[in-house]
Amino acid sequence: MKEGIDLNLQQRLRYSCGMIGSGVLMVYLYTLLHEGGHALVGILYGGKVNRFVLGLNAHVSISDAVYSQVGKALQNVAGLLLPLLFLIIALVVYQTKCKNALYHIFYGALWLSFSCSLLAWVIIPFMALFATPPMGDDITNLLMNTSLHPLAVSLAALLLIAGLALLAFKRGLLCKIAEIFRALFQAEFRKGKLVFLIKVIIGVALVFIVGLVGFRILAPEPVLETSFVMTVGLDTEDVKLPFEAKQSKPYSMDLTLDGQGILTDIQIYNEEGTRVYQTLAESFTHNGYGSLKLEKGQYEMVLTFLQEPQDMEAHFRIMGYDFTRDEIEALKKIYDPDTRATGYPIKFSATIK
């Protein structure tokens, strides 16, 4: 590092292309680890991975998983933990003596992109103190499924960012990246440390902002996004959530229902009154890309709370559900008479996009 790096035009172009290529690669590497973390937890809890997509529209579709309360929290943080573990291991084995600059550029992109992903864990919990956080997000779901204070989550994320920066500095990565940037932009570091630092900060900030704006433009807007907590009593009516599908296409639907001692029937109807989706459960999580095929038009999601075994059987007859006697007897075991007196606690969130 004392001798510095002297780059010709061809080398500068190669390094610039390396930075761009590393940025694109990070999108796929991060989403692979992020969605892979969710998939691993889903498999751990008996689920099956139906679909696994990388890139800007990354998602994983998991079915048949039965999560405990701890499992729900673990599923929410799994998309953070696996990339974080990968980054820590990568920094530990990083070799500053390697003479290939593209190697160091890749590591710099890895550290920056994975560390920046933690910013959401700082911002969203803090935002939750004053406004409704984005529905269906891992962070929002974690706050709903646990008793963690939002500020504790934000503080933990800040400490992780600081820890990763310290580890990158201790391993010599930050100094090596600064050396490459000095050569790339022909900055006289000894004569103008502050000017060079400002240029680097502005450059990184612009790249980050452009990336966020691009993702916002490319990411689909939700047609339905809601989350609520309620206590279901004898006078509680069906919850009706109208929404509009502006295009005829398959939609991604993420549903989370957390109930206790009560069955909830979730249905979706089109404007003709035809049922296009239905599921029945005490608690469940559904993450499915392309799992809901809708034609353009008006729709309504309906939540019906079946508070008594006799209500359940009557509802099945009215709706035309075909359950065997053994299945009905198994469903009756869900009901908790002790909870009935105080009301049934329900947590529900839905995102369709």
Protein backbone atom coordinates (compact mmCIF):
# COMPACT_ATOMS: atom_id res chain seq x y z
CA MET A 1 0.00 0.00 0.00
CA LYS A 2 2.93 2.33 0.56
CA GLU A 3 3.86 2.27 -3.11
CA GLY A 4 0.26 2.79 -4.22
CA ILE A 5 -1.29 1.66 -7.49
CA ASP A 6 -0.66 3.26 -10.87
CA LEU A 7 -3.47 2.49 -13.32
CA ASN A 8 -3.65 3.06 -17.06
CA LEU A 9 -6.94 3.70 -18.90
CA GLN A 10 -7.51 0.03 -19.73
CA GLN A 11 -7.07 -0.96 -16.09
CA ARG A 12 -9.44 1.78 -14.93
CA LEU A 13 -12.09 0.54 -17.35
CA ARG A 14 -11.57 -3.02 -16.16
CA TYR A 15 -11.90 -2.00 -12.52
CA SER A 16 -14.99 0.11 -13.24
CA CYS A 17 -16.61 -2.84 -15.03
CA GLY A 18 -15.60 -5.01 -12.08
CA MET A 19 -17.43 -2.67 -9.71
CA ILE A 20 -20.58 -2.72 -11.84
CA GLY A 21 -20.39 -6.50 -12.26
CA SER A 22 -19.86 -6.98 -8.53
CA GLY A 23 -22.92 -4.83 -7.83
CA VAL A 24 -25.09 -6.96 -10.12
CA LEU A 25 -23.66 -10.15 -8.64
CA MET A 26 -24.44 -8.92 -5.12
CA VAL A 27 -28.13 -8.64 -6.01
CA TYR A 28 -28.26 -12.34 -6.85
CA LEU A 29 -25.91 -13.47 -4.09
CA TYR A 30 -27.77 -11.55 -1.40
CA THR A 31 -31.22 -12.69 -2.57
CA LEU A 32 -29.93 -16.28 -2.78
CA LEU A 33 -28.85 -16.14 0.87
CA HIS A 34 -31.84 -14.08 2.02
CA GLU A 35 -34.49 -16.31 0.45
CA GLY A 36 -32.36 -19.36 1.23
CA GLY A 37 -32.55 -18.48 4.92
CA HIS A 38 -36.34 -18.36 4.74
CA ALA A 39 -36.40 -21.65 2.82
CA LEU A 40 -34.16 -23.43 5.34
CA VAL A 41 -36.38 -22.43 8.26
CA GLY A 42 -39.48 -23.44 6.32
CA ILE A 43 -37.98 -26.88 5.65
CA LEU A 44 -36.91 -27.14 9.30
CA TYR A 45 -40.56 -26.72 10.31
CA GLY A 46 -41.86 -29.33 7.89
CA GLY A 47 -42.50 -27.09 4.90
CA LYS A 48 -41.93 -27.59 1.19
CA VAL A 49 -40.29 -25.07 -1.15
CA ASN A 50 -42.53 -24.61 -4.18
CA ARG A 51 -40.77 -21.71 -5.87
CA PHE A 52 -37.42 -19.94 -5.44
CA VAL A 53 -36.74 -16.76 -7.46
CA LEU A 54 -33.67 -14.49 -7.32
CA GLY A 55 -33.08 -10.89 -8.41
CA LEU A 56 -35.08 -7.69 -7.89
CA ASN A 57 -38.33 -9.64 -7.53
CA ALA A 58 -36.80 -12.27 -5.25
CA HIS A 59 -39.18 -14.46 -3.29
CA VAL A 60 -39.61 -17.97 -2.00
CA SER A 61 -42.88 -19.89 -1.85
CA ILE A 62 -43.22 -22.28 1.11
CA SER A 63 -46.19 -24.51 1.89
CA ASP A 64 -47.17 -26.94 4.65
CA ALA A 65 -44.82 -25.44 7.26
CA VAL A 66 -46.17 -25.42 10.83
CA TYR A 67 -44.34 -22.77 12.86
CA SER A 68 -44.16 -22.44 16.61
CA GLN A 69 -43.97 -18.93 18.10
CA VAL A 70 -40.18 -19.22 18.11
CA GLY A 71 -40.31 -20.57 14.56
CA LYS A 72 -42.25 -17.53 13.36
CA ALA A 73 -39.63 -15.19 14.81
CA LEU A 74 -36.84 -17.32 13.36
CA GLN A 75 -38.50 -17.24 9.94
CA ASN A 76 -38.68 -13.44 10.14
CA VAL A 77 -34.95 -13.02 10.88
CA ALA A 78 -33.67 -15.92 8.74
CA GLY A 79 -33.38 -13.66 5.70
CA LEU A 80 -30.96 -11.51 7.70
CA LEU A 81 -29.02 -14.16 9.59
CA LEU A 82 -27.78 -16.27 6.67
CA PRO A 83 -26.33 -13.31 4.67
CA LEU A 84 -24.84 -11.96 7.91
CA LEU A 85 -23.17 -15.28 8.70
CA PHE A 86 -21.85 -15.52 5.14
CA LEU A 87 -20.37 -12.00 5.32
CA ILE A 88 -18.66 -12.62 8.66
CA ILE A 89 -17.06 -15.84 7.40
CA ALA A 90 -16.02 -14.10 4.16
CA LEU A 91 -14.35 -11.25 6.08
CA VAL A 92 -12.54 -13.68 8.38
CA VAL A 93 -10.95 -15.51 5.41
CA TYR A 94 -10.24 -12.29 3.45
CA GLN A 95 -6.61 -11.97 2.32
CA THR A 96 -5.37 -8.39 2.02
CA LYS A 97 -2.12 -9.58 0.36
CA CYS A 98 -3.93 -10.79 -2.76
CA LYS A 99 -2.66 -8.78 -5.75
CA ASN A 100 -5.83 -9.14 -7.85
CA ALA A 101 -7.71 -5.83 -7.46
CA LEU A 102 -10.98 -7.40 -8.66
CA TYR A 103 -10.80 -9.71 -5.65
CA HIS A 104 -10.77 -6.69 -3.33
CA ILE A 105 -13.49 -4.93 -5.36
CA PHE A 106 -15.73 -7.98 -4.98
CA TYR A 107 -15.13 -8.01 -1.23
CA GLY A 108 -15.83 -4.28 -1.01
CA ALA A 109 -19.14 -4.72 -2.83
CA LEU A 110 -19.98 -7.69 -0.60
CA TRP A 111 -19.33 -5.77 2.61
CA LEU A 112 -21.11 -2.60 1.44
CA SER A 113 -24.24 -4.26 0.03
CA PHE A 114 -24.75 -6.67 2.90
CA SER A 115 -24.13 -3.95 5.49
CA CYS A 116 -26.53 -1.55 3.74
CA SER A 117 -29.25 -4.21 3.90
CA LEU A 118 -29.14 -3.74 7.67
CA LEU A 119 -30.24 -0.12 7.30
CA ALA A 120 -33.83 -1.30 6.86
CA TRP A 121 -33.56 -2.93 10.29
CA VAL A 122 -32.61 0.47 11.70
CA ILE A 123 -35.18 2.58 9.85
CA ILE A 124 -38.36 0.45 9.85
CA PRO A 125 -38.49 -0.28 13.63
CA PHE A 126 -37.88 3.42 14.34
CA MET A 127 -40.60 4.33 11.85
CA ALA A 128 -42.96 1.88 13.59
CA LEU A 129 -42.93 4.16 16.65
CA PHE A 130 -44.70 6.92 14.71
CA ALA A 131 -46.42 5.32 11.71
CA THR A 132 -47.57 2.01 10.27
CA PRO A 133 -44.56 0.04 8.99
CA PRO A 134 -44.72 -1.71 5.58
CA MET A 135 -46.99 -4.72 5.77
CA GLY A 136 -45.61 -8.15 4.94
CA ASP A 137 -42.02 -7.07 5.58
CA ASP A 138 -39.82 -9.40 7.63
CA ILE A 139 -39.11 -6.64 10.16
CA THR A 140 -42.78 -5.76 10.60
CA ASN A 141 -43.66 -9.43 11.03
CA LEU A 142 -40.92 -9.83 13.64
CA LEU A 143 -42.30 -6.91 15.66
CA MET A 144 -45.78 -8.43 15.43
CA ASN A 145 -44.68 -11.95 16.39
CA THR A 146 -42.48 -10.96 19.33
CA SER A 147 -42.54 -8.52 22.23
CA LEU A 148 -39.31 -6.85 21.10
CA HIS A 149 -39.28 -3.06 21.42
CA PRO A 150 -38.66 -1.37 18.04
CA LEU A 151 -35.80 0.70 19.44
CA ALA A 152 -34.07 -2.48 20.64
CA VAL A 153 -34.21 -3.85 17.08
CA SER A 154 -32.87 -0.58 15.64
CA LEU A 155 -30.06 -0.47 18.20
CA ALA A 156 -29.09 -4.09 17.52
CA ALA A 157 -28.94 -3.36 13.77
CA LEU A 158 -26.75 -0.29 14.37
CA LEU A 159 -24.38 -2.34 16.49
CA LEU A 160 -24.18 -4.99 13.76
CA ILE A 161 -23.37 -2.35 11.13
CA ALA A 162 -20.66 -0.89 13.37
CA GLY A 163 -19.31 -4.37 14.11
CA LEU A 164 -19.11 -5.27 10.42
CA ALA A 165 -17.34 -1.98 9.66
CA LEU A 166 -14.85 -2.64 12.46
CA LEU A 167 -14.22 -6.19 11.24
CA ALA A 168 -13.70 -4.95 7.66
CA PHE A 169 -11.25 -2.34 8.96
CA LYS A 170 -9.35 -4.83 11.12
CA ARG A 171 -9.01 -7.23 8.18
CA GLY A 172 -7.58 -4.42 6.02
CA LEU A 173 -10.44 -4.37 3.52
CA LEU A 174 -11.37 -0.70 3.93
CA CYS A 175 -7.77 0.45 3.49
CA LYS A 176 -7.38 -1.70 0.39
CA ILE A 177 -10.60 -0.36 -1.15
CA ALA A 178 -9.50 3.22 -0.39
CA GLU A 179 -6.19 2.50 -2.13
CA ILE A 180 -7.98 1.21 -5.24
CA PHE A 181 -10.34 4.21 -5.28
CA ARG A 182 -7.42 6.62 -4.99
CA ALA A 183 -5.78 5.07 -8.03
CA LEU A 184 -9.05 4.82 -9.94
CA PHE A 185 -9.93 8.49 -9.52
CA GLN A 186 -6.31 9.69 -9.53
CA ALA A 187 -6.78 11.35 -6.15
CA GLU A 188 -3.75 12.75 -4.36
CA PHE A 189 -4.71 11.34 -1.00
CA ARG A 190 -1.83 12.96 0.89
CA LYS A 191 -2.74 16.41 -0.42
CA GLY A 192 -6.48 16.20 -0.01
CA LYS A 193 -7.76 13.52 2.33
CA LEU A 194 -11.02 15.32 3.05
CA VAL A 195 -11.82 16.02 -0.62
CA PHE A 196 -11.22 12.40 -1.57
CA LEU A 197 -13.31 11.11 1.34
CA ILE A 198 -16.20 13.40 0.38
CA LYS A 199 -16.04 12.18 -3.23
CA VAL A 200 -16.18 8.56 -2.12
CA ILE A 201 -19.09 9.18 0.27
CA ILE A 202 -21.06 11.10 -2.37
CA GLY A 203 -20.38 8.40 -4.97
CA VAL A 204 -21.50 5.58 -2.69
CA ALA A 205 -24.59 7.56 -1.61
CA LEU A 206 -25.58 8.23 -5.24
CA VAL A 207 -25.23 4.56 -6.16
CA PHE A 208 -27.32 3.56 -3.14
CA ILE A 209 -30.04 6.14 -3.91
CA VAL A 210 -30.22 5.15 -7.59
CA GLY A 211 -30.51 1.51 -6.54
CA LEU A 212 -33.35 2.26 -4.14
CA VAL A 213 -35.21 4.36 -6.72
CA GLY A 214 -34.75 1.68 -9.37
CA PHE A 215 -36.01 -1.03 -7.05
CA ARG A 216 -39.02 1.13 -6.13
CA ILE A 217 -39.87 1.62 -9.81
CA LEU A 218 -39.46 -2.05 -10.73
CA ALA A 219 -41.09 -3.53 -7.61
CA PRO A 220 -44.84 -4.19 -7.99
CA GLU A 221 -47.27 -2.07 -5.95
CA PRO A 222 -49.50 -4.03 -3.53
CA VAL A 223 -53.18 -4.24 -4.43
CA LEU A 224 -53.94 -5.20 -0.82
CA GLU A 225 -51.79 -4.51 2.20
CA THR A 226 -53.12 -4.75 5.75
CA SER A 227 -52.20 -5.84 9.25
CA PHE A 228 -54.16 -5.79 12.48
CA VAL A 229 -54.54 -7.26 15.94
CA MET A 230 -58.00 -7.81 17.42
CA THR A 231 -59.93 -9.73 20.05
CA VAL A 232 -62.81 -11.79 18.65
CA GLY A 233 -65.94 -11.90 20.80
CA LEU A 234 -69.49 -13.15 20.33
CA ASP A 235 -70.56 -9.92 18.60
CA THR A 236 -67.60 -9.79 16.21
CA GLU A 237 -68.69 -9.70 12.58
CA ASP A 238 -66.82 -10.83 9.49
CA VAL A 239 -63.87 -8.66 8.48
CA LYS A 240 -64.20 -7.54 4.85
CA LEU A 241 -61.20 -6.17 2.92
CA PRO A 242 -62.02 -4.90 -0.59
CA PHE A 243 -59.28 -4.46 -3.20
CA GLU A 244 -58.86 -4.03 -6.95
CA ALA A 245 -56.75 -6.08 -9.35
CA LYS A 246 -55.73 -3.67 -12.09
CA GLN A 247 -54.22 -6.37 -14.30
CA SER A 248 -55.11 -9.95 -15.18
CA LYS A 249 -52.08 -11.94 -13.98
CA PRO A 250 -50.75 -14.23 -11.21
CA TYR A 251 -50.28 -12.32 -7.94
CA SER A 252 -47.98 -12.94 -5.02
CA MET A 253 -49.93 -13.40 -1.79
CA ASP A 254 -48.39 -13.40 1.69
CA LEU A 255 -50.75 -14.24 4.54
CA THR A 256 -50.02 -14.60 8.25
CA LEU A 257 -52.71 -15.67 10.71
CA ASP A 258 -51.97 -16.12 14.39
CA GLY A 259 -55.00 -17.26 16.39
CA GLN A 260 -55.57 -19.23 19.56
CA GLY A 261 -58.43 -21.62 20.23
CA ILE A 262 -60.49 -20.50 17.24
CA LEU A 263 -60.79 -21.29 13.53
CA THR A 264 -60.70 -18.50 10.94
CA ASP A 265 -62.02 -19.02 7.41
CA ILE A 266 -60.30 -16.78 4.84
CA GLN A 267 -62.03 -16.35 1.48
CA ILE A 268 -61.54 -14.13 -1.56
CA TYR A 269 -64.48 -13.33 -3.88
CA ASN A 270 -64.56 -11.62 -7.27
CA GLU A 271 -67.18 -9.01 -8.19
CA GLU A 272 -69.57 -11.74 -9.40
CA GLY A 273 -69.47 -13.35 -5.96
CA THR A 274 -67.44 -16.37 -7.09
CA ARG A 275 -64.97 -17.67 -4.52
CA VAL A 276 -61.44 -17.66 -5.98
CA TYR A 277 -59.50 -18.55 -2.82
CA GLN A 278 -60.23 -20.19 0.51
CA THR A 279 -58.29 -21.53 3.47
CA LEU A 280 -59.21 -22.47 7.03
CA ALA A 281 -56.85 -22.53 10.01
CA GLU A 282 -56.13 -21.59 13.60
CA SER A 283 -52.67 -20.25 12.69
CA PHE A 284 -50.69 -20.42 9.46
CA THR A 285 -48.22 -18.60 7.23
CA HIS A 286 -48.50 -18.56 3.45
CA ASN A 287 -45.81 -17.08 1.19
CA GLY A 288 -46.59 -17.70 -2.44
CA TYR A 289 -45.47 -16.01 -5.66
CA GLY A 290 -47.97 -16.48 -8.46
CA SER A 291 -50.21 -18.43 -6.08
CA LEU A 292 -53.26 -16.26 -6.76
CA LYS A 293 -54.42 -15.85 -10.36
CA LEU A 294 -56.79 -12.88 -10.66
CA GLU A 295 -58.60 -11.29 -13.56
CA LYS A 296 -58.84 -7.52 -13.72
CA GLY A 297 -61.65 -6.29 -11.46
CA GLN A 298 -62.92 -5.77 -7.92
CA TYR A 299 -62.34 -8.34 -5.17
CA GLU A 300 -63.05 -8.79 -1.48
CA MET A 301 -61.18 -10.78 1.14
CA VAL A 302 -63.45 -12.01 3.93
CA LEU A 303 -62.39 -13.32 7.34
CA THR A 304 -65.07 -15.39 9.10
CA PHE A 305 -64.42 -16.31 12.74
CA LEU A 306 -65.86 -19.69 13.75
CA GLN A 307 -66.09 -19.37 17.53
CA GLU A 308 -68.03 -22.53 18.42
CA PRO A 309 -67.88 -26.12 17.11
CA GLN A 310 -71.55 -25.90 16.12
CA ASP A 311 -70.83 -22.64 14.26
CA MET A 312 -68.10 -24.44 12.39
CA GLU A 313 -70.35 -27.28 11.22
CA ALA A 314 -73.13 -24.90 10.20
CA HIS A 315 -70.63 -22.76 8.29
CA PHE A 316 -69.29 -25.81 6.46
CA ARG A 317 -72.80 -26.75 5.33
CA ILE A 318 -73.58 -23.22 4.12
CA MET A 319 -70.29 -22.86 2.27
CA GLY A 320 -70.44 -26.37 0.81
CA TYR A 321 -67.11 -27.47 2.29
CA ASP A 322 -66.50 -31.19 1.96
CA PHE A 323 -64.95 -32.31 5.26
CA THR A 324 -65.13 -35.87 6.54
CA ARG A 325 -66.48 -36.61 10.02
CA ASP A 326 -62.95 -37.47 11.22
CA GLU A 327 -61.62 -34.15 9.91
CA ILE A 328 -64.41 -32.24 11.63
CA GLU A 329 -63.74 -34.01 14.94
CA ALA A 330 -60.05 -33.15 14.62
CA LEU A 331 -60.89 -29.48 14.02
CA LYS A 332 -63.13 -29.40 17.11
CA LYS A 333 -60.08 -30.12 19.27
CA ILE A 334 -58.71 -26.67 18.38
CA TYR A 335 -61.41 -24.88 20.36
CA ASP A 336 -60.41 -23.63 23.81
CA PRO A 337 -63.33 -22.99 26.21
CA ASP A 338 -61.08 -21.06 28.61
CA THR A 339 -60.19 -18.51 25.91
CA ARG A 340 -63.84 -18.13 24.91
CA ALA A 341 -64.70 -16.20 28.09
CA THR A 342 -62.09 -13.48 27.53
CA GLY A 343 -62.21 -13.37 23.73
CA TYR A 344 -59.97 -14.92 21.11
CA PRO A 345 -56.77 -12.97 20.25
CA ILE A 346 -56.14 -12.72 16.50
CA LYS A 347 -53.17 -11.33 14.58
CA PHE A 348 -53.51 -11.07 10.81
CA SER A 349 -51.51 -9.58 7.96
CA ALA A 350 -52.00 -9.82 4.20
CA THR A 351 -50.10 -8.53 1.19
CA ILE A 352 -51.17 -9.17 -2.40
CA LYS A 353 -49.01 -7.73 -5.18
